[in-house]
């Protein structure tokens, strides 16, 4: 009797066969709005601090169509993606960014009324 074999037995994990850190479309972390600017700044601060601790690098923060993106600087496609998709540059942050300064930077990205 033969043992049943899995069709994908040689593959480990759902990313098997995909090059590590393959360039993929970034996902927004929040929708920018005046009512939630402090909460979004806190989210961005938390993400930047986590990346700084885990990878010892900075993060680029962009806004595109009201969506906030945080991309690690080690992601080689960060700048080309922003240029290609006409994202607006908020800043480059590392460590634990100042929450008030981050909120001010994000507030500048709000559409003028």
Protein backbone atom coordinates (compact mmCIF):
# COMPACT_ATOMS: atom_id res chain seq x y z
CA UNK A 1 0.00 0.00 0.00
CA UNK A 2 1.34 3.41 -0.88
CA UNK A 3 1.09 6.40 1.37
CA UNK A 4 -1.15 9.22 0.21
CA UNK A 5 0.88 12.15 -1.02
CA UNK A 6 -0.02 15.77 -1.00
CA UNK A 7 0.02 17.43 -4.40
CA UNK A 8 2.15 20.30 -3.06
CA UNK A 9 4.16 18.35 -0.51
CA UNK A 10 7.41 19.97 -1.60
CA UNK A 11 6.07 23.49 -0.99
CA UNK A 12 6.34 24.91 2.49
CA UNK A 13 4.10 27.86 3.29
CA UNK A 14 1.97 29.86 0.93
CA UNK A 15 4.90 31.97 -0.31
CA UNK A 16 7.08 29.04 -1.36
CA UNK A 17 8.65 29.67 -4.72
CA UNK A 18 8.24 33.45 -4.48
CA UNK A 19 11.51 35.37 -4.04
CA UNK A 20 11.88 36.83 -0.54
CA UNK A 21 10.65 40.42 -0.31
CA UNK A 22 9.35 40.39 -3.84
CA UNK A 23 8.03 43.79 -4.84
CA UNK A 24 4.29 43.81 -4.36
CA UNK A 25 1.63 46.46 -4.19
CA UNK A 26 1.72 48.28 -0.82
CA UNK A 27 -1.47 48.35 1.23
CA UNK A 28 -2.75 51.50 2.92
CA UNK A 29 -2.94 51.51 6.71
CA UNK A 30 -5.68 54.15 7.02
CA UNK A 31 -7.97 56.61 5.27
CA UNK A 32 -6.86 60.18 6.01
CA UNK A 33 -9.53 62.46 7.48
CA UNK A 34 -9.53 65.49 9.77
CA UNK A 35 -11.60 63.68 12.40
CA UNK A 36 -9.13 60.81 12.79
CA UNK A 37 -5.77 62.54 12.27
CA UNK A 38 -4.47 61.78 15.79
CA UNK A 39 -5.47 58.12 15.56
CA UNK A 40 -3.78 57.81 12.17
CA UNK A 41 -0.64 59.52 13.52
CA UNK A 42 -0.61 56.96 16.34
CA UNK A 43 -0.96 54.11 13.82
CA UNK A 44 1.90 55.48 11.71
CA UNK A 45 4.06 56.04 14.80
CA UNK A 46 3.44 52.46 15.92
CA UNK A 47 4.26 51.01 12.48
CA UNK A 48 7.47 53.08 12.18
CA UNK A 49 8.60 52.06 15.68
CA UNK A 50 7.93 48.38 14.93
CA UNK A 51 9.92 48.51 11.70
CA UNK A 52 12.76 50.39 13.42
CA UNK A 53 12.96 47.73 16.15
CA UNK A 54 12.66 44.73 13.84
CA UNK A 55 14.71 45.86 10.85
CA UNK A 56 16.75 48.84 12.07
CA UNK A 57 15.64 51.05 9.21
CA UNK A 58 13.43 54.06 8.56
CA UNK A 59 10.02 54.24 6.92
CA UNK A 60 8.72 56.40 4.11
CA UNK A 61 5.21 57.77 4.61
CA UNK A 62 3.10 58.64 1.56
CA UNK A 63 -0.49 59.71 0.95
CA UNK A 64 -2.34 58.80 -2.23
CA UNK A 65 -6.04 59.50 -2.82
CA UNK A 66 -6.52 60.04 0.92
CA UNK A 67 -4.93 56.69 1.82
CA UNK A 68 -1.87 56.61 4.10
CA UNK A 69 0.97 54.23 3.21
CA UNK A 70 3.99 53.35 5.36
CA UNK A 71 6.81 51.65 3.44
CA UNK A 72 10.08 50.35 4.86
CA UNK A 73 13.15 52.02 3.34
CA UNK A 74 14.58 48.57 2.65
CA UNK A 75 11.74 48.03 0.20
CA UNK A 76 13.60 48.94 -2.97
CA UNK A 77 10.41 49.83 -4.82
CA UNK A 78 9.21 52.43 -2.29
CA UNK A 79 10.21 55.54 -4.23
CA UNK A 80 9.41 54.25 -7.74
CA UNK A 81 5.98 53.11 -6.50
CA UNK A 82 5.23 56.56 -5.09
CA UNK A 83 6.33 58.32 -8.28
CA UNK A 84 4.48 55.91 -10.53
CA UNK A 85 1.28 56.23 -8.53
CA UNK A 86 1.63 60.01 -7.92
CA UNK A 87 1.65 59.65 -4.16
CA UNK A 88 2.42 62.70 -2.02
CA UNK A 89 5.51 62.53 0.20
CA UNK A 90 4.82 63.05 3.91
CA UNK A 91 8.28 62.23 5.27
CA UNK A 92 10.89 59.72 6.30
CA UNK A 93 10.69 58.63 9.93
CA UNK A 94 12.73 56.35 12.14
CA UNK A 95 12.75 55.16 15.73
CA UNK A 96 9.83 56.63 17.66
CA UNK A 97 8.65 59.74 15.76
CA UNK A 98 7.15 62.68 17.65
CA UNK A 99 3.39 62.17 17.65
CA UNK A 100 2.48 65.87 17.45
CA UNK A 101 4.92 66.50 14.59
CA UNK A 102 3.65 63.45 12.74
CA UNK A 103 0.04 64.61 13.15
CA UNK A 104 1.01 68.05 11.80
CA UNK A 105 2.75 66.48 8.79
CA UNK A 106 -0.32 64.35 8.06
CA UNK A 107 -2.66 67.32 8.58
CA UNK A 108 -0.82 69.12 5.75
CA UNK A 109 -1.88 66.29 3.44
CA UNK A 110 -5.60 66.89 4.04
CA UNK A 111 -7.38 68.31 0.99
CA UNK A 112 -8.06 72.06 1.16
CA UNK A 113 -11.69 73.01 1.55
